[in-house]
């Protein structure tokens, strides 16, 4: 579903934000992308989403290049940054319908999905209110619903659990599992390593823009915890 091939991104001639990264996220994978602040996680995810251009390598979404066929790639994916920018003057429901219009989601289907996910995130009663009145957690929930409204084949999330209360976090994890059981794939960054360990079947650890290790979660962590492996690798690599 997502194949990153020899991806390199620089912000200056002196330093590479990400250096020759290759990863493969298959259908059904919940793939955790782990690293310290500044390791290159957000840069990578933004390039996968088609927001950042890059110098070398390529990124393929369901076999299509994000460089050569970005519109087709974006039709089948959704991206939620760690601090989503929403149109604050809109009400929640108007925003969701706006996103559904962009993806040409039929009225019946959008209504069913808005009902399903707004109830799951306990946001239904707030959809008529301006987004400007929402708390950070409510805005995060609205952004998540907007990402799910067209049933993306690839879901990109940057620190998705930040700002969510425990119940909403549980709901999101269950939705992620359900999506992947139906054949979608999820690629997300997080600092919450115990969540990644329990939720992900695949993991990659990045340090200083370079891949340190990647593979099945069970193989990467062995008999240790993901936190122990992460600290060992990034401290001694």
C-alpha atoms as a PDB file:
ATOM      1  CA  UNK A   1       0.000   0.000   0.000  1.00  0.00           C
ATOM      2  CA  UNK A   2       2.862   2.374   0.877  1.00  0.00           C
ATOM      3  CA  UNK A   3       6.365   1.892  -0.428  1.00  0.00           C
ATOM      4  CA  UNK A   4       9.097   4.413   0.381  1.00  0.00           C
ATOM      5  CA  UNK A   5      12.155   3.840  -1.809  1.00  0.00           C
ATOM      6  CA  UNK A   6      15.527   5.507  -1.081  1.00  0.00           C
ATOM      7  CA  UNK A   7      13.742   8.652   0.103  1.00  0.00           C
ATOM      8  CA  UNK A   8      15.973  11.635   0.895  1.00  0.00           C
ATOM      9  CA  UNK A   9      14.880  15.086   2.008  1.00  0.00           C
ATOM     10  CA  UNK A  10      17.137  18.087   2.735  1.00  0.00           C
ATOM     11  CA  UNK A  11      16.260  21.537   4.041  1.00  0.00           C
ATOM     12  CA  UNK A  12      19.781  22.801   3.353  1.00  0.00           C
ATOM     13  CA  UNK A  13      22.855  21.651   1.465  1.00  0.00           C
ATOM     14  CA  UNK A  14      24.660  20.855   4.691  1.00  0.00           C
ATOM     15  CA  UNK A  15      22.220  18.508   6.411  1.00  0.00           C
ATOM     16  CA  UNK A  16      19.752  15.822   5.337  1.00  0.00           C
ATOM     17  CA  UNK A  17      16.528  15.693   7.323  1.00  0.00           C
ATOM     18  CA  UNK A  18      15.966  12.139   6.088  1.00  0.00           C
ATOM     19  CA  UNK A  19      18.677  10.110   4.406  1.00  0.00           C
ATOM     20  CA  UNK A  20      18.002   7.208   2.004  1.00  0.00           C
ATOM     21  CA  UNK A  21      14.959   5.816   3.811  1.00  0.00           C
ATOM     22  CA  UNK A  22      13.170   2.719   2.510  1.00  0.00           C
ATOM     23  CA  UNK A  23      10.042   1.235   4.111  1.00  0.00           C
ATOM     24  CA  UNK A  24       7.171  -0.979   2.996  1.00  0.00           C
ATOM     25  CA  UNK A  25       3.713  -0.769   4.576  1.00  0.00           C
ATOM     26  CA  UNK A  26       1.391  -3.501   3.339  1.00  0.00           C
ATOM     27  CA  UNK A  27      -2.387  -3.741   3.345  1.00  0.00           C
ATOM     28  CA  UNK A  28      -3.566  -4.629   6.822  1.00  0.00           C
ATOM     29  CA  UNK A  29      -0.487  -3.183   8.539  1.00  0.00           C
ATOM     30  CA  UNK A  30      -0.612  -0.859  11.517  1.00  0.00           C
ATOM     31  CA  UNK A  31       2.891   0.516  11.147  1.00  0.00           C
ATOM     32  CA  UNK A  32       4.465   2.565  13.933  1.00  0.00           C
ATOM     33  CA  UNK A  33       7.131   5.125  13.051  1.00  0.00           C
ATOM     34  CA  UNK A  34       9.242   5.876  16.122  1.00  0.00           C
ATOM     35  CA  UNK A  35      11.978   8.411  16.831  1.00  0.00           C
ATOM     36  CA  UNK A  36      13.059  11.380  18.925  1.00  0.00           C
ATOM     37  CA  UNK A  37      11.883  14.909  18.096  1.00  0.00           C
ATOM     38  CA  UNK A  38      13.730  16.032  14.980  1.00  0.00           C
ATOM     39  CA  UNK A  39      14.474  12.476  13.836  1.00  0.00           C
ATOM     40  CA  UNK A  40      12.631  12.963  10.525  1.00  0.00           C
ATOM     41  CA  UNK A  41       9.235  11.416  11.258  1.00  0.00           C
ATOM     42  CA  UNK A  42       7.031  14.411  10.415  1.00  0.00           C
ATOM     43  CA  UNK A  43       9.152  15.274   7.367  1.00  0.00           C
ATOM     44  CA  UNK A  44       8.685  11.742   6.041  1.00  0.00           C
ATOM     45  CA  UNK A  45       4.951  11.683   6.691  1.00  0.00           C
ATOM     46  CA  UNK A  46       4.468  15.074   5.015  1.00  0.00           C
ATOM     47  CA  UNK A  47       6.316  13.824   1.939  1.00  0.00           C
ATOM     48  CA  UNK A  48       4.143  10.702   1.839  1.00  0.00           C
ATOM     49  CA  UNK A  49       1.097  12.978   2.034  1.00  0.00           C
ATOM     50  CA  UNK A  50       2.366  15.024  -0.917  1.00  0.00           C
ATOM     51  CA  UNK A  51       2.915  18.185   1.123  1.00  0.00           C
ATOM     52  CA  UNK A  52       6.720  18.267   0.903  1.00  0.00           C
ATOM     53  CA  UNK A  53       8.760  17.737  -2.217  1.00  0.00           C
ATOM     54  CA  UNK A  54      11.982  15.753  -1.954  1.00  0.00           C
ATOM     55  CA  UNK A  55      15.249  15.349  -3.842  1.00  0.00           C
ATOM     56  CA  UNK A  56      15.919  11.630  -4.224  1.00  0.00           C
ATOM     57  CA  UNK A  57      13.979   8.400  -4.233  1.00  0.00           C
ATOM     58  CA  UNK A  58      10.249   7.952  -4.647  1.00  0.00           C
ATOM     59  CA  UNK A  59       7.128   7.196  -2.640  1.00  0.00           C
ATOM     60  CA  UNK A  60       4.405   4.911  -3.977  1.00  0.00           C
ATOM     61  CA  UNK A  61       0.800   4.764  -2.770  1.00  0.00           C
ATOM     62  CA  UNK A  62      -0.967   1.631  -4.005  1.00  0.00           C
ATOM     63  CA  UNK A  63       1.569   1.442  -6.828  1.00  0.00           C
ATOM     64  CA  UNK A  64       1.284   5.098  -7.881  1.00  0.00           C
ATOM     65  CA  UNK A  65       4.097   7.640  -7.462  1.00  0.00           C
ATOM     66  CA  UNK A  66       3.350  10.626  -5.247  1.00  0.00           C
ATOM     67  CA  UNK A  67       5.698  12.635  -7.468  1.00  0.00           C
ATOM     68  CA  UNK A  68       4.077  11.711 -10.779  1.00  0.00           C
ATOM     69  CA  UNK A  69       0.464  11.014  -9.811  1.00  0.00           C
ATOM     70  CA  UNK A  70      -0.161  13.000  -6.643  1.00  0.00           C
ATOM     71  CA  UNK A  71      -3.890  13.628  -7.150  1.00  0.00           C
ATOM     72  CA  UNK A  72      -4.689   9.940  -7.594  1.00  0.00           C
ATOM     73  CA  UNK A  73      -2.559   9.134  -4.533  1.00  0.00           C
ATOM     74  CA  UNK A  74      -4.321  11.731  -2.404  1.00  0.00           C
ATOM     75  CA  UNK A  75      -7.746  10.390  -3.379  1.00  0.00           C
ATOM     76  CA  UNK A  76      -7.098   7.155  -1.526  1.00  0.00           C
ATOM     77  CA  UNK A  77      -5.296   8.465   1.542  1.00  0.00           C
ATOM     78  CA  UNK A  78      -5.931  10.743   4.488  1.00  0.00           C
ATOM     79  CA  UNK A  79      -3.446  12.695   6.595  1.00  0.00           C
ATOM     80  CA  UNK A  80      -3.886  14.134  10.081  1.00  0.00           C
ATOM     81  CA  UNK A  81      -1.016  16.267  11.467  1.00  0.00           C
ATOM     82  CA  UNK A  82      -0.290  16.539  15.176  1.00  0.00           C
ATOM     83  CA  UNK A  83      -2.000  19.947  15.270  1.00  0.00           C
ATOM     84  CA  UNK A  84      -4.683  20.015  12.553  1.00  0.00           C
ATOM     85  CA  UNK A  85      -5.542  23.341  10.917  1.00  0.00           C
ATOM     86  CA  UNK A  86      -9.317  23.558  10.589  1.00  0.00           C
ATOM     87  CA  UNK A  87     -11.603  26.275   9.251  1.00  0.00           C
ATOM     88  CA  UNK A  88     -12.642  27.752  12.585  1.00  0.00           C
ATOM     89  CA  UNK A  89     -15.476  29.857  11.137  1.00  0.00           C
ATOM     90  CA  UNK A  90     -17.304  26.708  10.015  1.00  0.00           C
ATOM     91  CA  UNK A  91     -19.518  24.541  12.178  1.00  0.00           C
ATOM     92  CA  UNK A  92     -18.384  20.953  12.649  1.00  0.00           C
ATOM     93  CA  UNK A  93     -21.045  19.546  10.327  1.00  0.00           C
ATOM     94  CA  UNK A  94     -20.293  22.077   7.579  1.00  0.00           C
ATOM     95  CA  UNK A  95     -16.620  21.161   7.758  1.00  0.00           C
ATOM     96  CA  UNK A  96     -17.359  17.445   7.467  1.00  0.00           C
ATOM     97  CA  UNK A  97     -19.634  18.024   4.486  1.00  0.00           C
ATOM     98  CA  UNK A  98     -16.967  20.241   2.927  1.00  0.00           C
ATOM     99  CA  UNK A  99     -14.414  17.418   3.181  1.00  0.00           C
ATOM    100  CA  UNK A 100     -16.961  14.897   1.904  1.00  0.00           C
ATOM    101  CA  UNK A 101     -17.588  17.153  -1.120  1.00  0.00           C
ATOM    102  CA  UNK A 102     -13.860  17.232  -1.897  1.00  0.00           C
ATOM    103  CA  UNK A 103     -13.769  13.429  -1.995  1.00  0.00           C
ATOM    104  CA  UNK A 104     -17.127  13.112  -3.812  1.00  0.00           C
ATOM    105  CA  UNK A 105     -18.652  11.011  -1.040  1.00  0.00           C
ATOM    106  CA  UNK A 106     -22.340  10.361  -1.847  1.00  0.00           C
ATOM    107  CA  UNK A 107     -24.863  11.972   0.510  1.00  0.00           C
ATOM    108  CA  UNK A 108     -26.190   8.724   1.965  1.00  0.00           C
ATOM    109  CA  UNK A 109     -22.733   7.341   2.648  1.00  0.00           C
ATOM    110  CA  UNK A 110     -21.435  10.549   4.206  1.00  0.00           C
ATOM    111  CA  UNK A 111     -24.468  10.810   6.469  1.00  0.00           C
ATOM    112  CA  UNK A 112     -23.980   7.226   7.654  1.00  0.00           C
ATOM    113  CA  UNK A 113     -20.262   7.737   8.315  1.00  0.00           C
ATOM    114  CA  UNK A 114     -20.704  11.104  10.022  1.00  0.00           C
ATOM    115  CA  UNK A 115     -23.325   9.541  12.301  1.00  0.00           C
ATOM    116  CA  UNK A 116     -21.152   6.490  13.001  1.00  0.00           C
ATOM    117  CA  UNK A 117     -17.945   8.319  13.823  1.00  0.00           C
ATOM    118  CA  UNK A 118     -19.423  11.350  15.569  1.00  0.00           C
ATOM    119  CA  UNK A 119     -21.281   8.992  17.907  1.00  0.00           C
ATOM    120  CA  UNK A 120     -18.135   6.924  18.434  1.00  0.00           C
ATOM    121  CA  UNK A 121     -16.157  10.052  19.397  1.00  0.00           C
ATOM    122  CA  UNK A 122     -19.097  11.558  21.312  1.00  0.00           C
ATOM    123  CA  UNK A 123     -19.130  14.682  19.149  1.00  0.00           C
ATOM    124  CA  UNK A 124     -22.655  14.512  17.700  1.00  0.00           C
ATOM    125  CA  UNK A 125     -24.187  17.202  19.905  1.00  0.00           C
ATOM    126  CA  UNK A 126     -21.351  19.618  19.079  1.00  0.00           C
ATOM    127  CA  UNK A 127     -21.460  19.390  15.278  1.00  0.00           C
ATOM    128  CA  UNK A 128     -23.733  22.417  14.998  1.00  0.00           C
ATOM    129  CA  UNK A 129     -21.325  24.624  16.929  1.00  0.00           C
ATOM    130  CA  UNK A 130     -18.499  26.715  15.379  1.00  0.00           C
ATOM    131  CA  UNK A 131     -15.165  24.903  15.372  1.00  0.00           C
ATOM    132  CA  UNK A 132     -13.687  28.019  17.019  1.00  0.00           C
ATOM    133  CA  UNK A 133     -15.565  27.020  20.188  1.00  0.00           C
ATOM    134  CA  UNK A 134     -14.068  23.515  20.223  1.00  0.00           C
ATOM    135  CA  UNK A 135     -11.383  22.395  22.654  1.00  0.00           C
ATOM    136  CA  UNK A 136      -8.134  20.938  21.282  1.00  0.00           C
ATOM    137  CA  UNK A 137      -9.431  17.425  21.864  1.00  0.00           C
ATOM    138  CA  UNK A 138     -12.702  18.142  20.079  1.00  0.00           C
ATOM    139  CA  UNK A 139     -10.833  19.564  17.093  1.00  0.00           C
ATOM    140  CA  UNK A 140      -8.684  16.437  17.001  1.00  0.00           C
ATOM    141  CA  UNK A 141     -11.807  14.278  16.980  1.00  0.00           C
ATOM    142  CA  UNK A 142     -13.346  16.330  14.156  1.00  0.00           C
ATOM    143  CA  UNK A 143     -10.167  16.040  12.120  1.00  0.00           C
ATOM    144  CA  UNK A 144     -10.186  12.267  12.610  1.00  0.00           C
ATOM    145  CA  UNK A 145     -13.813  11.998  11.491  1.00  0.00           C
ATOM    146  CA  UNK A 146     -12.999  14.079   8.409  1.00  0.00           C
ATOM    147  CA  UNK A 147     -10.127  11.721   7.585  1.00  0.00           C
ATOM    148  CA  UNK A 148     -12.355   8.659   7.828  1.00  0.00           C
ATOM    149  CA  UNK A 149     -15.273  10.029   5.831  1.00  0.00           C
ATOM    150  CA  UNK A 150     -14.033   8.749   2.451  1.00  0.00           C
ATOM    151  CA  UNK A 151     -12.747   5.417   3.820  1.00  0.00           C
ATOM    152  CA  UNK A 152      -9.073   5.906   2.883  1.00  0.00           C
ATOM    153  CA  UNK A 153      -6.926   2.964   1.887  1.00  0.00           C
ATOM    154  CA  UNK A 154      -3.955   4.605   3.613  1.00  0.00           C
ATOM    155  CA  UNK A 155      -4.250   6.630   6.817  1.00  0.00           C
ATOM    156  CA  UNK A 156      -1.310   8.834   7.839  1.00  0.00           C
ATOM    157  CA  UNK A 157      -1.275  10.071  11.423  1.00  0.00           C
ATOM    158  CA  UNK A 158       1.308  12.240  13.166  1.00  0.00           C
ATOM    159  CA  UNK A 159       1.027  11.829  16.960  1.00  0.00           C
ATOM    160  CA  UNK A 160      -2.696  10.962  16.745  1.00  0.00           C
ATOM    161  CA  UNK A 161      -3.228  10.378  20.474  1.00  0.00           C
ATOM    162  CA  UNK A 162      -2.057  13.834  21.587  1.00  0.00           C
ATOM    163  CA  UNK A 163      -5.008  15.743  23.044  1.00  0.00           C
ATOM    164  CA  UNK A 164      -7.372  12.777  23.100  1.00  0.00           C
ATOM    165  CA  UNK A 165      -8.928  11.625  26.350  1.00  0.00           C
ATOM    166  CA  UNK A 166      -8.580   7.915  27.286  1.00  0.00           C
ATOM    167  CA  UNK A 167     -11.974   6.963  25.877  1.00  0.00           C
ATOM    168  CA  UNK A 168     -11.340   8.705  22.548  1.00  0.00           C
ATOM    169  CA  UNK A 169      -7.889   7.090  22.371  1.00  0.00           C
ATOM    170  CA  UNK A 170      -9.470   3.677  22.866  1.00  0.00           C
ATOM    171  CA  UNK A 171     -12.069   4.456  20.195  1.00  0.00           C
ATOM    172  CA  UNK A 172      -9.378   5.503  17.728  1.00  0.00           C
ATOM    173  CA  UNK A 173      -7.377   2.328  18.355  1.00  0.00           C
ATOM    174  CA  UNK A 174     -10.455   0.196  17.714  1.00  0.00           C
ATOM    175  CA  UNK A 175     -11.203   2.094  14.487  1.00  0.00           C
ATOM    176  CA  UNK A 176      -7.585   1.629  13.355  1.00  0.00           C
ATOM    177  CA  UNK A 177      -7.800  -2.119  13.958  1.00  0.00           C
ATOM    178  CA  UNK A 178     -11.120  -2.349  12.106  1.00  0.00           C
ATOM    179  CA  UNK A 179      -9.770  -0.409   9.121  1.00  0.00           C
ATOM    180  CA  UNK A 180      -6.800  -2.718   8.763  1.00  0.00           C
ATOM    181  CA  UNK A 181      -8.914  -5.837   9.121  1.00  0.00           C
ATOM    182  CA  UNK A 182     -10.826  -4.559   6.093  1.00  0.00           C
ATOM    183  CA  UNK A 183      -7.628  -4.123   4.053  1.00  0.00           C
ATOM    184  CA  UNK A 184      -6.521  -0.546   4.658  1.00  0.00           C
ATOM    185  CA  UNK A 185      -3.076   0.383   6.033  1.00  0.00           C
ATOM    186  CA  UNK A 186      -2.024   2.846   8.718  1.00  0.00           C
ATOM    187  CA  UNK A 187       1.333   4.605   9.037  1.00  0.00           C
ATOM    188  CA  UNK A 188       1.694   6.748  12.131  1.00  0.00           C
ATOM    189  CA  UNK A 189       4.237   8.358  14.411  1.00  0.00           C
ATOM    190  CA  UNK A 190       3.933   8.364  18.168  1.00  0.00           C
ATOM    191  CA  UNK A 191       5.935   8.958  21.323  1.00  0.00           C
ATOM    192  CA  UNK A 192       3.600   6.694  23.289  1.00  0.00           C
ATOM    193  CA  UNK A 193       5.682   3.542  22.959  1.00  0.00           C
ATOM    194  CA  UNK A 194       3.497   1.246  25.034  1.00  0.00           C
ATOM    195  CA  UNK A 195       0.551   2.062  22.739  1.00  0.00           C
ATOM    196  CA  UNK A 196       2.675   1.386  19.655  1.00  0.00           C
ATOM    197  CA  UNK A 197       3.881  -1.903  21.117  1.00  0.00           C
ATOM    198  CA  UNK A 198       0.338  -3.157  21.747  1.00  0.00           C
ATOM    199  CA  UNK A 199      -1.263  -1.736  18.595  1.00  0.00           C
ATOM    200  CA  UNK A 200       1.287  -2.130  15.786  1.00  0.00           C
ATOM    201  CA  UNK A 201       2.264  -5.272  13.936  1.00  0.00           C
ATOM    202  CA  UNK A 202       5.163  -3.445  12.223  1.00  0.00           C
ATOM    203  CA  UNK A 203       7.556  -0.790  13.472  1.00  0.00           C
ATOM    204  CA  UNK A 204      10.451   1.351  12.250  1.00  0.00           C
ATOM    205  CA  UNK A 205      12.865   3.341  14.410  1.00  0.00           C
ATOM    206  CA  UNK A 206      14.556   6.390  12.911  1.00  0.00           C
ATOM    207  CA  UNK A 207      17.423   8.430  14.342  1.00  0.00           C
ATOM    208  CA  UNK A 208      18.943  11.551  12.831  1.00  0.00           C
ATOM    209  CA  UNK A 209      17.113  10.958   9.559  1.00  0.00           C
ATOM    210  CA  UNK A 210      18.436   7.421   9.150  1.00  0.00           C
ATOM    211  CA  UNK A 211      16.606   4.151   9.607  1.00  0.00           C
ATOM    212  CA  UNK A 212      17.925   2.218  12.585  1.00  0.00           C
ATOM    213  CA  UNK A 213      15.703  -0.858  12.435  1.00  0.00           C
ATOM    214  CA  UNK A 214      12.422  -2.003  10.901  1.00  0.00           C
ATOM    215  CA  UNK A 215      10.391  -5.180  10.902  1.00  0.00           C
ATOM    216  CA  UNK A 216       7.659  -7.101  12.654  1.00  0.00           C
ATOM    217  CA  UNK A 217       7.033  -5.749  16.133  1.00  0.00           C
ATOM    218  CA  UNK A 218       7.616  -9.143  17.723  1.00  0.00           C
ATOM    219  CA  UNK A 219      10.979  -9.535  15.976  1.00  0.00           C
ATOM    220  CA  UNK A 220      12.189  -5.992  16.696  1.00  0.00           C
ATOM    221  CA  UNK A 221      11.436  -6.047  20.421  1.00  0.00           C
ATOM    222  CA  UNK A 222      12.113  -9.740  21.076  1.00  0.00           C
ATOM    223  CA  UNK A 223      11.741 -10.466  24.792  1.00  0.00           C
ATOM    224  CA  UNK A 224      12.192  -6.808  25.732  1.00  0.00           C
ATOM    225  CA  UNK A 225       9.738  -3.911  25.651  1.00  0.00           C
ATOM    226  CA  UNK A 226       9.668  -1.510  22.717  1.00  0.00           C
ATOM    227  CA  UNK A 227      10.759   1.254  25.082  1.00  0.00           C
ATOM    228  CA  UNK A 228      13.862  -0.710  26.119  1.00  0.00           C
ATOM    229  CA  UNK A 229      14.767  -1.494  22.517  1.00  0.00           C
ATOM    230  CA  UNK A 230      14.188   2.101  21.433  1.00  0.00           C
ATOM    231  CA  UNK A 231      16.394   3.548  24.170  1.00  0.00           C
ATOM    232  CA  UNK A 232      19.104   0.973  23.515  1.00  0.00           C
ATOM    233  CA  UNK A 233      19.156   1.594  19.777  1.00  0.00           C
ATOM    234  CA  UNK A 234      19.022   5.386  19.785  1.00  0.00           C
ATOM    235  CA  UNK A 235      21.534   5.712  22.617  1.00  0.00           C
ATOM    236  CA  UNK A 236      24.098   3.332  21.180  1.00  0.00           C
ATOM    237  CA  UNK A 237      23.580   3.423  17.413  1.00  0.00           C
END
